[in-house]
Every structure is written in structure tokens, then in C-alpha cells.
């Protein structure tokens, strides 16, 4: 069921607080975005009032929907991040990462 989710992908670009990010996949179940270095994947636990940009929160705000992060990346890392668009997809995707 989930194996073919990439075939309906479309790519787009968004500005996340001055950093260009690219949406690699955006379909009914998942969103894959390129996280720039220096941008958090999810809010920092240590600092609730951090001024660092947060990819997940910015995308949620811009897209007007809740995102479920499937994994996280360190602040200095630029890489692809997988977000589920619903709880069922999140549960399934967590099994891919052994969470």
C-alpha cells in the first residue's frame, strides 16, 4: 500500500525564514523536504523561546496543516526530512526507522 507513494510526487520551493528549502515529495500521505543546515527539524527541547528557525513549524504554518515528523536531523546537517501528513502514515513510517 505505501510502497508506491512516491509516484504522485511534485516538487516546489519555499522560503523558510530566509533559507530556501525544497519540497521533494508532497502527496496525500507524506512530505519530504530538504532541511538546510542551521535550521531545526523540530523545536529545541532546551529552549522554548529559541529564535532558531524550525522547518516543521514553518511548513505547518505555510501549508496550514499539522505535520508529524518521522525523524530528526542535527542543526548543522542539511539533508532530507520525512514528515507524515496524518497519524496513520506516521505510525507506518516509524516502523521504517525502527522507532
N, C-alpha and C. Protein backbone atom coordinates (compact mmCIF):
# COMPACT_ATOMS: atom_id res chain seq x y z
N UNK A 1 0.81 -1.19 0.00
CA UNK A 1 0.00 0.00 0.00
C UNK A 1 0.86 1.26 0.00
N UNK A 2 1.92 1.30 0.82
CA UNK A 2 2.72 2.51 0.95
C UNK A 2 3.92 2.52 0.03
N UNK A 3 4.23 1.40 -0.59
CA UNK A 3 5.43 1.31 -1.40
C UNK A 3 5.43 2.26 -2.59
N UNK A 4 4.27 2.55 -3.15
CA UNK A 4 4.22 3.39 -4.34
C UNK A 4 3.87 4.84 -4.09
N UNK A 5 4.09 5.33 -2.87
CA UNK A 5 3.64 6.69 -2.58
C UNK A 5 4.43 7.76 -3.31
N UNK A 6 5.61 7.47 -3.82
CA UNK A 6 6.42 8.49 -4.48
C UNK A 6 5.96 8.83 -5.89
N UNK A 7 5.22 7.97 -6.52
CA UNK A 7 4.90 8.19 -7.93
C UNK A 7 4.04 9.42 -8.17
N UNK A 8 3.33 9.90 -7.19
CA UNK A 8 2.49 11.08 -7.36
C UNK A 8 3.16 12.33 -6.80
N UNK A 9 4.47 12.33 -6.77
CA UNK A 9 5.22 13.43 -6.16
C UNK A 9 5.20 14.68 -7.02
N UNK A 10 5.32 15.81 -6.35
CA UNK A 10 5.54 17.07 -7.03
C UNK A 10 6.52 17.87 -6.18
N UNK A 11 7.37 18.61 -6.82
CA UNK A 11 8.38 19.39 -6.10
C UNK A 11 8.03 20.86 -6.17
N UNK A 12 8.42 21.59 -5.14
CA UNK A 12 8.25 23.03 -5.13
C UNK A 12 9.30 23.64 -4.21
N UNK A 13 9.43 24.95 -4.23
CA UNK A 13 10.39 25.65 -3.37
C UNK A 13 9.63 26.54 -2.40
N UNK A 14 10.15 26.68 -1.19
CA UNK A 14 9.57 27.57 -0.19
C UNK A 14 10.71 28.29 0.53
N UNK A 15 10.45 29.49 0.98
CA UNK A 15 11.42 30.23 1.78
C UNK A 15 11.09 30.00 3.25
N UNK A 16 12.04 29.49 4.01
CA UNK A 16 11.86 29.26 5.44
C UNK A 16 12.77 30.23 6.17
N UNK A 17 12.21 31.34 6.62
CA UNK A 17 12.95 32.39 7.32
C UNK A 17 14.29 32.69 6.66
N UNK A 18 14.24 32.96 5.39
CA UNK A 18 15.43 33.36 4.66
C UNK A 18 16.23 32.22 4.06
N UNK A 19 15.93 30.98 4.41
CA UNK A 19 16.66 29.84 3.86
C UNK A 19 15.77 29.12 2.85
N UNK A 20 16.27 28.89 1.66
CA UNK A 20 15.50 28.20 0.64
C UNK A 20 15.42 26.72 1.01
N UNK A 21 14.23 26.17 1.00
CA UNK A 21 14.07 24.74 1.18
C UNK A 21 13.25 24.21 0.02
N UNK A 22 13.45 22.98 -0.32
CA UNK A 22 12.76 22.38 -1.45
C UNK A 22 11.89 21.24 -0.95
N UNK A 23 10.62 21.24 -1.35
CA UNK A 23 9.74 20.12 -1.09
C UNK A 23 9.98 19.10 -2.18
N UNK A 24 10.51 17.96 -1.82
CA UNK A 24 10.85 16.92 -2.79
C UNK A 24 9.63 16.07 -3.12
N UNK A 25 8.88 15.70 -2.09
CA UNK A 25 7.67 14.89 -2.26
C UNK A 25 6.55 15.55 -1.45
N UNK A 26 5.42 15.65 -2.05
CA UNK A 26 4.24 16.16 -1.35
C UNK A 26 3.05 15.41 -1.93
N UNK A 27 2.56 14.42 -1.18
CA UNK A 27 1.41 13.65 -1.64
C UNK A 27 0.42 13.51 -0.50
N UNK A 28 -0.65 12.76 -0.62
CA UNK A 28 -1.65 12.71 0.44
C UNK A 28 -1.16 12.13 1.78
N UNK A 29 -0.02 11.44 1.79
CA UNK A 29 0.45 10.78 3.00
C UNK A 29 1.74 11.35 3.58
N UNK A 30 2.62 11.85 2.71
CA UNK A 30 3.95 12.27 3.16
C UNK A 30 4.40 13.55 2.48
N UNK A 31 5.32 14.21 3.17
CA UNK A 31 6.01 15.36 2.63
C UNK A 31 7.49 15.14 2.94
N UNK A 32 8.33 15.25 1.93
CA UNK A 32 9.77 15.17 2.13
C UNK A 32 10.34 16.52 1.75
N UNK A 33 11.07 17.12 2.69
CA UNK A 33 11.64 18.44 2.48
C UNK A 33 13.14 18.40 2.68
N UNK A 34 13.84 19.25 1.95
CA UNK A 34 15.27 19.41 2.14
C UNK A 34 15.48 20.42 3.27
N UNK A 35 16.08 19.97 4.38
CA UNK A 35 16.34 20.84 5.52
C UNK A 35 17.71 21.48 5.35
N UNK A 36 17.75 22.81 5.29
CA UNK A 36 19.05 23.47 5.20
C UNK A 36 19.84 23.36 6.51
N UNK A 37 21.15 23.43 6.43
CA UNK A 37 21.98 23.48 7.64
C UNK A 37 21.62 24.73 8.42
N UNK A 38 21.64 24.64 9.75
CA UNK A 38 21.33 25.78 10.59
C UNK A 38 19.86 25.95 10.89
N UNK A 39 19.03 25.03 10.41
CA UNK A 39 17.59 25.05 10.65
C UNK A 39 17.23 23.81 11.46
N UNK A 40 16.45 23.98 12.54
CA UNK A 40 16.00 22.84 13.33
C UNK A 40 14.92 22.07 12.58
N UNK A 41 14.84 20.76 12.82
CA UNK A 41 13.77 19.95 12.26
C UNK A 41 12.49 20.17 13.05
N UNK A 42 12.61 20.08 14.38
CA UNK A 42 11.51 20.29 15.32
C UNK A 42 12.00 21.26 16.39
N UNK A 43 11.09 21.83 17.19
CA UNK A 43 11.53 22.78 18.22
C UNK A 43 12.56 22.18 19.18
N UNK A 44 13.50 23.00 19.59
CA UNK A 44 14.55 22.62 20.54
C UNK A 44 13.94 22.41 21.92
N UNK A 45 14.19 21.28 22.53
CA UNK A 45 13.65 20.98 23.87
C UNK A 45 14.25 21.87 24.95
N UNK A 46 15.51 22.25 24.76
CA UNK A 46 16.22 23.00 25.78
C UNK A 46 15.82 24.47 25.85
N UNK A 47 15.28 25.00 24.78
CA UNK A 47 14.97 26.42 24.75
C UNK A 47 13.63 26.66 24.07
N UNK A 48 12.59 26.81 24.87
CA UNK A 48 11.25 27.01 24.33
C UNK A 48 11.12 28.32 23.57
N UNK A 49 11.94 29.30 23.91
CA UNK A 49 11.86 30.60 23.25
C UNK A 49 13.00 30.81 22.25
N UNK A 50 13.52 29.73 21.73
CA UNK A 50 14.64 29.81 20.78
C UNK A 50 14.26 30.62 19.55
N UNK A 51 15.22 31.38 19.06
CA UNK A 51 14.98 32.17 17.85
C UNK A 51 15.45 31.43 16.60
N UNK A 52 15.93 30.21 16.77
CA UNK A 52 16.36 29.42 15.61
C UNK A 52 15.17 29.04 14.75
N UNK A 53 15.32 29.05 13.43
CA UNK A 53 14.21 28.62 12.56
C UNK A 53 13.94 27.13 12.72
N UNK A 54 12.67 26.75 12.63
CA UNK A 54 12.23 25.36 12.79
C UNK A 54 11.47 24.95 11.53
N UNK A 55 12.04 24.05 10.76
CA UNK A 55 11.45 23.64 9.49
C UNK A 55 10.02 23.12 9.65
N UNK A 56 9.80 22.20 10.58
CA UNK A 56 8.48 21.61 10.76
C UNK A 56 7.41 22.64 11.08
N UNK A 57 7.72 23.58 11.98
CA UNK A 57 6.74 24.60 12.35
C UNK A 57 6.47 25.56 11.20
N UNK A 58 7.51 25.94 10.49
CA UNK A 58 7.32 26.85 9.36
C UNK A 58 6.49 26.21 8.26
N UNK A 59 6.76 24.94 7.95
CA UNK A 59 5.97 24.25 6.93
C UNK A 59 4.52 24.09 7.37
N UNK A 60 4.31 23.76 8.65
CA UNK A 60 2.93 23.64 9.16
C UNK A 60 2.18 24.95 8.98
N UNK A 61 2.84 26.05 9.30
CA UNK A 61 2.21 27.36 9.17
C UNK A 61 1.92 27.70 7.72
N UNK A 62 2.87 27.46 6.85
CA UNK A 62 2.70 27.79 5.43
C UNK A 62 1.68 26.89 4.74
N UNK A 63 1.65 25.62 5.10
CA UNK A 63 0.74 24.67 4.46
C UNK A 63 -0.63 24.64 5.13
N UNK A 64 -0.73 25.16 6.35
CA UNK A 64 -2.00 25.16 7.06
C UNK A 64 -2.45 23.80 7.50
N UNK A 65 -1.49 22.92 7.85
CA UNK A 65 -1.84 21.58 8.29
C UNK A 65 -0.81 21.08 9.29
N UNK A 66 -1.21 20.11 10.10
CA UNK A 66 -0.31 19.51 11.07
C UNK A 66 0.62 18.54 10.35
N UNK A 67 1.90 18.58 10.72
CA UNK A 67 2.88 17.64 10.20
C UNK A 67 3.38 16.77 11.35
N UNK A 68 3.63 15.51 11.06
CA UNK A 68 4.14 14.56 12.03
C UNK A 68 5.57 14.20 11.64
N UNK A 69 6.59 14.72 12.33
CA UNK A 69 7.97 14.40 11.95
C UNK A 69 8.26 12.92 12.21
N UNK A 70 8.82 12.26 11.20
CA UNK A 70 9.13 10.84 11.33
C UNK A 70 10.52 10.65 11.92
N UNK A 71 11.41 11.59 11.68
CA UNK A 71 12.76 11.54 12.25
C UNK A 71 13.28 12.97 12.37
N UNK A 72 14.44 13.13 13.01
CA UNK A 72 15.04 14.45 13.22
C UNK A 72 16.46 14.44 12.69
N UNK A 73 16.93 15.64 12.41
CA UNK A 73 18.32 15.81 11.98
C UNK A 73 18.97 16.87 12.85
N UNK A 74 20.28 16.74 13.08
CA UNK A 74 21.01 17.73 13.86
C UNK A 74 21.03 19.08 13.17
N UNK A 75 21.17 20.14 13.96
CA UNK A 75 21.15 21.51 13.46
C UNK A 75 22.12 21.76 12.30
N UNK A 76 23.39 21.31 12.38
CA UNK A 76 24.32 21.64 11.29
C UNK A 76 24.15 20.79 10.03
N UNK A 77 23.25 19.81 10.05
CA UNK A 77 23.09 18.88 8.93
C UNK A 77 22.07 19.40 7.92
N UNK A 78 22.44 19.35 6.65
CA UNK A 78 21.50 19.62 5.56
C UNK A 78 21.17 18.28 4.92
N UNK A 79 19.89 17.91 4.93
CA UNK A 79 19.51 16.59 4.42
C UNK A 79 17.99 16.55 4.24
N UNK A 80 17.48 15.45 3.73
CA UNK A 80 16.04 15.26 3.54
C UNK A 80 15.38 14.87 4.85
N UNK A 81 14.19 15.43 5.08
CA UNK A 81 13.40 15.13 6.28
C UNK A 81 12.04 14.63 5.83
N UNK A 82 11.59 13.53 6.46
CA UNK A 82 10.30 12.95 6.15
C UNK A 82 9.27 13.36 7.20
N UNK A 83 8.18 13.94 6.72
CA UNK A 83 7.04 14.29 7.57
C UNK A 83 5.84 13.49 7.09
N UNK A 84 5.09 12.91 8.02
CA UNK A 84 3.81 12.28 7.69
C UNK A 84 2.72 13.35 7.77
N UNK A 85 1.69 13.18 6.97
CA UNK A 85 0.60 14.15 6.95
C UNK A 85 -0.61 13.71 7.76
N UNK A 86 -0.54 12.50 8.31
CA UNK A 86 -1.62 12.01 9.16
C UNK A 86 -1.05 10.97 10.12
N UNK A 87 -1.81 10.68 11.18
CA UNK A 87 -1.33 9.78 12.23
C UNK A 87 -1.07 8.36 11.72
N UNK A 88 -1.91 7.87 10.81
CA UNK A 88 -1.72 6.52 10.28
C UNK A 88 -0.42 6.40 9.49
N UNK A 89 -0.15 7.37 8.64
CA UNK A 89 1.10 7.37 7.88
C UNK A 89 2.31 7.48 8.81
N UNK A 90 2.17 8.28 9.86
CA UNK A 90 3.26 8.44 10.84
C UNK A 90 3.57 7.12 11.53
N UNK A 91 2.53 6.42 11.92
CA UNK A 91 2.71 5.12 12.61
C UNK A 91 3.43 4.13 11.70
N UNK A 92 3.03 4.06 10.45
CA UNK A 92 3.67 3.14 9.49
C UNK A 92 5.10 3.55 9.23
N UNK A 93 5.35 4.84 9.00
CA UNK A 93 6.70 5.31 8.69
C UNK A 93 7.65 5.11 9.86
N UNK A 94 7.15 5.17 11.08
CA UNK A 94 8.02 4.93 12.25
C UNK A 94 8.59 3.53 12.22
N UNK A 95 7.87 2.57 11.66
CA UNK A 95 8.39 1.20 11.59
C UNK A 95 9.58 1.13 10.62
N UNK A 96 9.64 2.02 9.64
CA UNK A 96 10.76 2.04 8.71
C UNK A 96 12.06 2.45 9.39
N UNK A 97 11.94 3.26 10.43
CA UNK A 97 13.10 3.78 11.14
C UNK A 97 13.36 3.03 12.45
N UNK A 98 12.56 1.99 12.71
CA UNK A 98 12.74 1.19 13.91
C UNK A 98 12.39 1.93 15.19
N UNK A 99 11.48 2.91 15.09
CA UNK A 99 11.09 3.70 16.26
C UNK A 99 9.93 3.02 16.96
